[in-house]
């Protein structure tokens, strides 16, 4: 009898109490909240870097298009989708200048647009409104101009 009581005590000591489980779950939840907050900021900055790279690529393609058609500047409201079309589809003479239609869409699923004359560059700017999809903003919501 004495040995069965000892065995039962050993089994009871191996288990977690409800308080210990609640404390562990709370600590894990707090760590996850901190981690998610930090990771979302990193993700937003990564998207902004991707948008900058895309805008630079669009700017180069638009410059080649303008050279091919003999224009010094794009017209206000220039449709960047023309850079993705072949000459027989309404694109430039040496088109397409961009390989995919998605090349003119920013990481937030909005189209880039051309601002003539440019604010950053003398001739034109390629602009995305950022994560908030509205003019202005700070951080990942800031406008991106290339």
N, C-alpha and C. Protein backbone atom coordinates (compact mmCIF):
# COMPACT_ATOMS: atom_id res chain seq x y z
N UNK A 1 0.80 -1.19 0.00
CA UNK A 1 0.00 0.00 0.00
C UNK A 1 0.84 1.26 0.00
N UNK A 2 1.88 1.19 0.76
CA UNK A 2 2.75 2.35 0.87
C UNK A 2 3.40 2.68 -0.49
N UNK A 3 3.73 1.67 -1.27
CA UNK A 3 4.36 1.88 -2.58
C UNK A 3 3.37 2.44 -3.60
N UNK A 4 2.13 2.08 -3.56
CA UNK A 4 1.15 2.65 -4.49
C UNK A 4 0.92 4.12 -4.21
N UNK A 5 0.96 4.50 -2.94
CA UNK A 5 0.79 5.91 -2.61
C UNK A 5 1.97 6.71 -3.18
N UNK A 6 3.19 6.16 -3.06
CA UNK A 6 4.37 6.84 -3.60
C UNK A 6 4.27 6.97 -5.12
N UNK A 7 3.80 5.91 -5.77
CA UNK A 7 3.64 5.96 -7.22
C UNK A 7 2.63 7.02 -7.63
N UNK A 8 1.53 7.12 -6.92
CA UNK A 8 0.51 8.13 -7.20
C UNK A 8 1.06 9.53 -6.98
N UNK A 9 1.87 9.72 -5.96
CA UNK A 9 2.47 11.04 -5.72
C UNK A 9 3.43 11.41 -6.84
N UNK A 10 4.21 10.45 -7.33
CA UNK A 10 5.13 10.72 -8.44
C UNK A 10 4.35 11.14 -9.68
N UNK A 11 3.26 10.47 -9.98
CA UNK A 11 2.45 10.84 -11.15
C UNK A 11 1.83 12.21 -10.97
N UNK A 12 1.42 12.52 -9.78
CA UNK A 12 0.81 13.82 -9.52
C UNK A 12 1.83 14.94 -9.66
N UNK A 13 3.06 14.72 -9.29
CA UNK A 13 4.10 15.75 -9.38
C UNK A 13 4.50 16.02 -10.82
N UNK A 14 4.35 15.09 -11.71
CA UNK A 14 4.76 15.26 -13.09
C UNK A 14 3.80 16.17 -13.88
N UNK A 15 2.61 16.32 -13.48
CA UNK A 15 1.62 17.11 -14.21
C UNK A 15 1.75 18.59 -13.89
N UNK A 16 1.28 19.45 -14.81
CA UNK A 16 1.26 20.89 -14.59
C UNK A 16 -0.03 21.28 -13.90
N UNK A 17 0.05 22.30 -13.10
CA UNK A 17 -1.17 22.81 -12.49
C UNK A 17 -1.84 23.77 -13.47
N UNK A 18 -3.08 24.05 -13.25
CA UNK A 18 -3.82 24.96 -14.11
C UNK A 18 -3.18 26.35 -14.10
N UNK A 19 -2.71 26.80 -12.97
CA UNK A 19 -2.06 28.12 -12.87
C UNK A 19 -0.80 28.14 -13.73
N UNK A 20 0.00 27.09 -13.69
CA UNK A 20 1.22 27.04 -14.51
C UNK A 20 0.88 27.09 -15.99
N UNK A 21 -0.14 26.39 -16.40
CA UNK A 21 -0.54 26.39 -17.80
C UNK A 21 -1.01 27.78 -18.22
N UNK A 22 -1.80 28.43 -17.40
CA UNK A 22 -2.29 29.78 -17.71
C UNK A 22 -1.12 30.75 -17.81
N UNK A 23 -0.16 30.67 -16.92
CA UNK A 23 1.01 31.55 -16.96
C UNK A 23 1.81 31.31 -18.24
N UNK A 24 2.01 30.06 -18.62
CA UNK A 24 2.76 29.75 -19.84
C UNK A 24 2.04 30.28 -21.07
N UNK A 25 0.75 30.09 -21.14
CA UNK A 25 -0.02 30.57 -22.30
C UNK A 25 0.04 32.10 -22.36
N UNK A 26 -0.04 32.77 -21.22
CA UNK A 26 0.03 34.24 -21.19
C UNK A 26 1.39 34.73 -21.66
N UNK A 27 2.45 34.11 -21.20
CA UNK A 27 3.80 34.51 -21.61
C UNK A 27 3.98 34.30 -23.12
N UNK A 28 3.54 33.17 -23.62
CA UNK A 28 3.65 32.90 -25.06
C UNK A 28 2.83 33.91 -25.86
N UNK A 29 1.64 34.25 -25.40
CA UNK A 29 0.80 35.24 -26.10
C UNK A 29 1.47 36.61 -26.12
N UNK A 30 2.08 37.01 -25.02
CA UNK A 30 2.78 38.30 -24.98
C UNK A 30 3.98 38.31 -25.93
N UNK A 31 4.74 37.24 -25.95
CA UNK A 31 5.87 37.14 -26.88
C UNK A 31 5.41 37.19 -28.33
N UNK A 32 4.33 36.52 -28.64
CA UNK A 32 3.79 36.53 -30.00
C UNK A 32 3.31 37.92 -30.40
N UNK A 33 2.69 38.63 -29.46
CA UNK A 33 2.23 39.99 -29.76
C UNK A 33 3.40 40.91 -30.09
N UNK A 34 4.47 40.81 -29.33
CA UNK A 34 5.66 41.62 -29.60
C UNK A 34 6.27 41.24 -30.94
N UNK A 35 6.37 39.96 -31.20
CA UNK A 35 6.96 39.47 -32.44
C UNK A 35 6.15 39.90 -33.66
N UNK A 36 4.84 39.77 -33.60
CA UNK A 36 3.98 40.16 -34.73
C UNK A 36 4.09 41.66 -35.00
N UNK A 37 4.14 42.47 -33.95
CA UNK A 37 4.26 43.91 -34.12
C UNK A 37 5.56 44.27 -34.84
N UNK A 38 6.64 43.66 -34.42
CA UNK A 38 7.94 43.95 -35.06
C UNK A 38 7.99 43.43 -36.48
N UNK A 39 7.46 42.26 -36.71
CA UNK A 39 7.50 41.67 -38.05
C UNK A 39 6.64 42.45 -39.04
N UNK A 40 5.51 42.99 -38.60
CA UNK A 40 4.66 43.75 -39.52
C UNK A 40 5.37 45.01 -39.99
N UNK A 41 6.14 45.63 -39.13
CA UNK A 41 6.92 46.80 -39.53
C UNK A 41 7.98 46.44 -40.55
N UNK A 42 8.62 45.30 -40.37
CA UNK A 42 9.64 44.84 -41.31
C UNK A 42 9.01 44.50 -42.66
N UNK A 43 7.84 43.91 -42.63
CA UNK A 43 7.14 43.55 -43.86
C UNK A 43 6.78 44.81 -44.65
N UNK A 44 6.30 45.84 -43.94
CA UNK A 44 5.94 47.09 -44.60
C UNK A 44 7.14 47.76 -45.25
N UNK A 45 8.28 47.75 -44.56
CA UNK A 45 9.49 48.34 -45.13
C UNK A 45 9.95 47.54 -46.34
N UNK A 46 9.78 46.23 -46.30
CA UNK A 46 10.14 45.40 -47.45
C UNK A 46 9.29 45.72 -48.67
N UNK A 47 8.01 45.93 -48.45
CA UNK A 47 7.13 46.30 -49.56
C UNK A 47 7.52 47.65 -50.14
N UNK A 48 7.91 48.59 -49.29
CA UNK A 48 8.33 49.91 -49.78
C UNK A 48 9.59 49.78 -50.63
N UNK A 49 10.51 48.91 -50.24
CA UNK A 49 11.72 48.69 -51.04
C UNK A 49 11.39 48.06 -52.39
N UNK A 50 10.46 47.13 -52.39
CA UNK A 50 10.02 46.51 -53.65
C UNK A 50 9.39 47.57 -54.55
N UNK A 51 8.57 48.44 -53.97
CA UNK A 51 7.93 49.50 -54.76
C UNK A 51 8.97 50.45 -55.36
N UNK A 52 10.00 50.78 -54.59
CA UNK A 52 11.07 51.65 -55.12
C UNK A 52 11.75 51.00 -56.32
N UNK A 53 12.03 49.72 -56.19
CA UNK A 53 12.68 49.00 -57.29
C UNK A 53 11.78 48.97 -58.52
N UNK A 54 10.50 48.69 -58.30
CA UNK A 54 9.55 48.68 -59.42
C UNK A 54 9.46 50.05 -60.08
N UNK A 55 9.38 51.10 -59.28
CA UNK A 55 9.26 52.46 -59.82
C UNK A 55 10.49 52.81 -60.65
N UNK A 56 11.65 52.40 -60.19
CA UNK A 56 12.88 52.66 -60.94
C UNK A 56 12.86 51.93 -62.29
N UNK A 57 12.39 50.69 -62.27
CA UNK A 57 12.28 49.90 -63.50
C UNK A 57 11.29 50.56 -64.47
N UNK A 58 10.17 51.04 -63.95
CA UNK A 58 9.17 51.72 -64.79
C UNK A 58 9.76 53.00 -65.37
N UNK A 59 10.49 53.74 -64.56
CA UNK A 59 11.10 54.99 -65.02
C UNK A 59 12.06 54.74 -66.19
N UNK A 60 12.87 53.69 -66.07
CA UNK A 60 13.80 53.34 -67.16
C UNK A 60 13.04 52.93 -68.41
N UNK A 61 11.99 52.13 -68.25
CA UNK A 61 11.19 51.68 -69.39
C UNK A 61 10.50 52.86 -70.06
N UNK A 62 9.99 53.80 -69.26
CA UNK A 62 9.31 54.97 -69.82
C UNK A 62 10.31 55.85 -70.57
N UNK A 63 11.52 55.98 -70.06
CA UNK A 63 12.55 56.76 -70.75
C UNK A 63 12.86 56.14 -72.11
N UNK A 64 12.98 54.80 -72.17
CA UNK A 64 13.23 54.14 -73.46
C UNK A 64 12.06 54.35 -74.41
N UNK A 65 10.84 54.26 -73.90
CA UNK A 65 9.65 54.50 -74.71
C UNK A 65 9.67 55.92 -75.30
N UNK A 66 9.96 56.90 -74.45
CA UNK A 66 9.98 58.29 -74.92
C UNK A 66 11.04 58.51 -75.99
N UNK A 67 12.19 57.87 -75.84
CA UNK A 67 13.24 57.98 -76.87
C UNK A 67 12.74 57.38 -78.18
N UNK A 68 12.10 56.20 -78.09
CA UNK A 68 11.62 55.52 -79.30
C UNK A 68 10.54 56.31 -80.03
N UNK A 69 9.67 56.98 -79.31
CA UNK A 69 8.59 57.72 -79.97
C UNK A 69 8.98 59.18 -80.24
N UNK A 70 10.13 59.60 -79.75
CA UNK A 70 10.62 60.94 -80.03
C UNK A 70 9.94 62.03 -79.22
N UNK A 71 9.52 61.73 -78.03
CA UNK A 71 8.90 62.73 -77.16
C UNK A 71 9.86 63.08 -76.02
N UNK A 72 9.91 64.35 -75.63
CA UNK A 72 10.78 64.70 -74.51
C UNK A 72 10.17 64.32 -73.15
N UNK A 73 8.84 64.42 -73.05
CA UNK A 73 8.14 64.12 -71.79
C UNK A 73 6.88 63.31 -72.08
N UNK A 74 6.47 62.50 -71.12
CA UNK A 74 5.17 61.83 -71.30
C UNK A 74 4.04 62.84 -71.13
N UNK A 75 2.93 62.56 -71.75
CA UNK A 75 1.77 63.42 -71.59
C UNK A 75 1.22 63.26 -70.18
N UNK A 76 0.63 64.32 -69.60
CA UNK A 76 -0.01 64.15 -68.29
C UNK A 76 -1.07 63.06 -68.36
N UNK A 77 -1.11 62.19 -67.37
CA UNK A 77 -2.06 61.08 -67.36
C UNK A 77 -1.63 59.91 -68.23
N UNK A 78 -0.35 59.86 -68.58
CA UNK A 78 0.17 58.78 -69.42
C UNK A 78 -0.18 57.44 -68.80
N UNK A 79 -0.71 56.52 -69.61
CA UNK A 79 -1.10 55.19 -69.16
C UNK A 79 0.12 54.26 -69.21
N UNK A 80 0.62 53.88 -68.05
CA UNK A 80 1.82 53.05 -67.98
C UNK A 80 1.62 51.66 -68.57
N UNK A 81 0.38 51.24 -68.74
CA UNK A 81 0.13 49.92 -69.34
C UNK A 81 0.63 49.86 -70.79
N UNK A 82 0.79 51.01 -71.44
CA UNK A 82 1.33 51.02 -72.80
C UNK A 82 2.73 50.42 -72.84
N UNK A 83 3.45 50.50 -71.73
CA UNK A 83 4.81 49.96 -71.67
C UNK A 83 4.82 48.44 -71.69
N UNK A 84 3.68 47.80 -71.45
CA UNK A 84 3.60 46.34 -71.43
C UNK A 84 3.05 45.77 -72.73
N UNK A 85 2.74 46.64 -73.70
CA UNK A 85 2.10 46.18 -74.94
C UNK A 85 3.09 46.13 -76.09
N UNK A 86 2.81 45.23 -77.01
CA UNK A 86 3.60 45.10 -78.24
C UNK A 86 3.18 46.21 -79.22
N UNK A 87 4.03 46.51 -80.19
CA UNK A 87 3.69 47.56 -81.16
C UNK A 87 2.35 47.32 -81.88
N UNK A 88 2.04 46.08 -82.21
CA UNK A 88 0.79 45.78 -82.92
C UNK A 88 -0.43 45.85 -81.99
N UNK A 89 -0.20 46.02 -80.69
CA UNK A 89 -1.27 46.14 -79.71
C UNK A 89 -1.41 47.55 -79.16
N UNK A 90 -0.71 48.51 -79.78
CA UNK A 90 -0.80 49.89 -79.33
C UNK A 90 0.37 50.35 -78.48
N UNK A 91 1.38 49.50 -78.30
CA UNK A 91 2.56 49.87 -77.53
C UNK A 91 3.56 50.64 -78.38
N UNK A 92 4.70 50.92 -77.80
CA UNK A 92 5.75 51.65 -78.50
C UNK A 92 6.41 50.82 -79.58
N UNK A 93 7.21 51.47 -80.45
CA UNK A 93 7.80 50.80 -81.59
C UNK A 93 8.72 49.62 -81.22
N UNK A 94 9.37 49.67 -80.10
CA UNK A 94 10.27 48.59 -79.68
C UNK A 94 9.68 47.79 -78.51
N UNK A 95 8.38 47.95 -78.25
CA UNK A 95 7.75 47.34 -77.09
C UNK A 95 7.66 45.84 -77.17
N UNK A 96 7.33 45.21 -76.11
CA UNK A 96 7.01 45.79 -74.81
C UNK A 96 8.28 46.19 -74.03
N UNK A 97 8.15 47.23 -73.25
CA UNK A 97 9.26 47.75 -72.47
C UNK A 97 9.28 47.13 -71.07
N UNK A 98 8.15 46.62 -70.65
CA UNK A 98 8.02 45.86 -69.40
C UNK A 98 7.41 44.52 -69.76
N UNK A 99 7.84 43.47 -69.08
CA UNK A 99 7.43 42.12 -69.49
C UNK A 99 6.01 41.73 -69.08
N UNK A 100 5.51 42.26 -67.96
CA UNK A 100 4.19 41.84 -67.48
C UNK A 100 3.33 43.04 -67.13
N UNK A 101 2.03 42.87 -67.23
CA UNK A 101 1.10 43.93 -66.84
C UNK A 101 1.22 44.23 -65.34
N UNK A 102 1.59 43.22 -64.55
CA UNK A 102 1.72 43.43 -63.10
C UNK A 102 2.93 44.29 -62.75
N UNK A 103 3.81 44.56 -63.71
CA UNK A 103 4.98 45.41 -63.44
C UNK A 103 4.60 46.86 -63.16
N UNK A 104 3.39 47.27 -63.56
CA UNK A 104 2.97 48.65 -63.31
C UNK A 104 2.02 48.75 -62.10
N UNK A 105 1.94 47.66 -61.32
CA UNK A 105 1.11 47.62 -60.11
C UNK A 105 2.03 47.58 -58.90
N UNK A 106 1.77 48.44 -57.91
CA UNK A 106 2.62 48.48 -56.73
C UNK A 106 2.31 47.30 -55.79
N UNK A 107 3.12 47.09 -54.75
CA UNK A 107 2.89 45.95 -53.85
C UNK A 107 1.56 46.00 -53.10
N UNK A 108 0.90 47.15 -53.10
CA UNK A 108 -0.39 47.30 -52.42
C UNK A 108 -1.55 47.18 -53.40
N UNK A 109 -1.27 46.62 -54.58
CA UNK A 109 -2.26 46.31 -55.62
C UNK A 109 -2.91 47.55 -56.24
N UNK A 110 -2.19 48.65 -56.26
CA UNK A 110 -2.65 49.87 -56.92
C UNK A 110 -1.69 50.20 -58.06
N UNK A 111 -2.17 50.78 -59.15
CA UNK A 111 -1.26 51.11 -60.25
C UNK A 111 -0.36 52.30 -59.91
N UNK A 112 0.88 52.24 -60.37
CA UNK A 112 1.76 53.40 -60.30
C UNK A 112 1.19 54.44 -61.27
N UNK A 113 1.56 55.69 -61.09
CA UNK A 113 1.16 56.70 -62.06
C UNK A 113 2.31 57.67 -62.30
N UNK A 114 2.19 58.41 -63.40
CA UNK A 114 3.24 59.35 -63.81
C UNK A 114 2.81 60.76 -63.43
N UNK A 115 3.73 61.50 -62.83
CA UNK A 115 3.48 62.90 -62.48
C UNK A 115 4.40 63.76 -63.36
N UNK A 116 3.78 64.62 -64.18
CA UNK A 116 4.52 65.48 -65.10
C UNK A 116 4.16 66.92 -64.82
N UNK A 117 5.07 67.84 -64.61
CA UNK A 117 6.50 67.63 -64.40
C UNK A 117 6.72 66.98 -63.04
N UNK A 118 7.92 66.44 -62.86
CA UNK A 118 8.22 65.73 -61.63
C UNK A 118 8.51 66.66 -60.47
N UNK A 119 8.34 66.15 -59.27
CA UNK A 119 8.68 66.87 -58.05
C UNK A 119 10.11 66.51 -57.64
N UNK A 120 10.44 65.23 -57.74
CA UNK A 120 11.78 64.76 -57.41
C UNK A 120 12.72 64.88 -58.60
N UNK A 121 12.24 64.48 -59.77
CA UNK A 121 13.02 64.58 -61.01
C UNK A 121 12.49 65.77 -61.82
N UNK A 122 13.33 66.31 -62.66
CA UNK A 122 12.94 67.49 -63.44
C UNK A 122 11.86 67.18 -64.47
N UNK A 123 11.92 66.02 -65.09
CA UNK A 123 10.99 65.72 -66.18
C UNK A 123 9.71 65.01 -65.72
N UNK A 124 9.83 63.86 -65.09
CA UNK A 124 8.64 63.14 -64.62
C UNK A 124 9.01 62.29 -63.41
N UNK A 125 7.99 61.93 -62.64
CA UNK A 125 8.15 61.04 -61.48
C UNK A 125 7.21 59.86 -61.65
N UNK A 126 7.63 58.72 -61.16
CA UNK A 126 6.76 57.55 -61.04
C UNK A 126 6.34 57.51 -59.57
N UNK A 127 5.02 57.47 -59.32
CA UNK A 127 4.51 57.65 -57.96
C UNK A 127 3.60 56.49 -57.55
N UNK A 128 3.72 56.11 -56.27
CA UNK A 128 2.80 55.19 -55.61
C UNK A 128 2.40 55.85 -54.30
N UNK A 129 1.15 55.73 -53.91
CA UNK A 129 0.70 56.36 -52.67
C UNK A 129 1.04 55.57 -51.41
N UNK A 130 1.61 54.40 -51.53
CA UNK A 130 2.02 53.63 -50.35
C UNK A 130 0.90 52.75 -49.82
N UNK A 131 1.13 52.24 -48.62
CA UNK A 131 0.23 51.25 -48.03
C UNK A 131 -1.17 51.78 -47.78
N UNK A 132 -1.31 53.08 -47.47
CA UNK A 132 -2.64 53.62 -47.18
C UNK A 132 -3.41 53.99 -48.45
N UNK A 133 -2.75 53.94 -49.60
CA UNK A 133 -3.37 54.23 -50.90
C UNK A 133 -3.97 55.63 -50.98
N UNK A 134 -3.40 56.57 -50.20
CA UNK A 134 -3.86 57.95 -50.21
C UNK A 134 -2.64 58.87 -50.18
N UNK A 135 -2.81 60.05 -50.74
CA UNK A 135 -1.71 61.01 -50.79
C UNK A 135 -1.25 61.36 -49.37
N UNK A 136 0.06 61.55 -49.23
CA UNK A 136 0.63 61.89 -47.92
C UNK A 136 0.89 60.66 -47.10
N UNK A 137 1.12 60.86 -45.82
CA UNK A 137 1.36 59.75 -44.91
C UNK A 137 2.80 59.68 -44.46
N UNK A 138 3.03 58.84 -43.46
CA UNK A 138 4.37 58.66 -42.91
C UNK A 138 4.67 57.17 -42.81
N UNK A 139 5.94 56.84 -42.71
CA UNK A 139 6.35 55.44 -42.60
C UNK A 139 5.96 54.66 -43.83
N UNK A 140 5.32 53.50 -43.63
CA UNK A 140 4.93 52.69 -44.79
C UNK A 140 3.76 53.29 -45.55
N UNK A 141 3.09 54.28 -44.97
CA UNK A 141 1.99 54.96 -45.65
C UNK A 141 2.47 56.15 -46.49
N UNK A 142 3.76 56.44 -46.43
CA UNK A 142 4.30 57.59 -47.15
C UNK A 142 4.24 57.34 -48.66
N UNK A 143 4.05 58.43 -49.39
CA UNK A 143 4.10 58.34 -50.86
C UNK A 143 5.50 57.95 -51.29
N UNK A 144 5.57 57.17 -52.33
CA UNK A 144 6.84 56.76 -52.89
C UNK A 144 7.00 57.41 -54.24
N UNK A 145 8.05 58.20 -54.41
CA UNK A 145 8.28 58.90 -55.67
C UNK A 145 9.67 58.56 -56.18
N UNK A 146 9.73 58.11 -57.42
CA UNK A 146 11.01 57.74 -58.01
C UNK A 146 11.21 58.51 -59.28
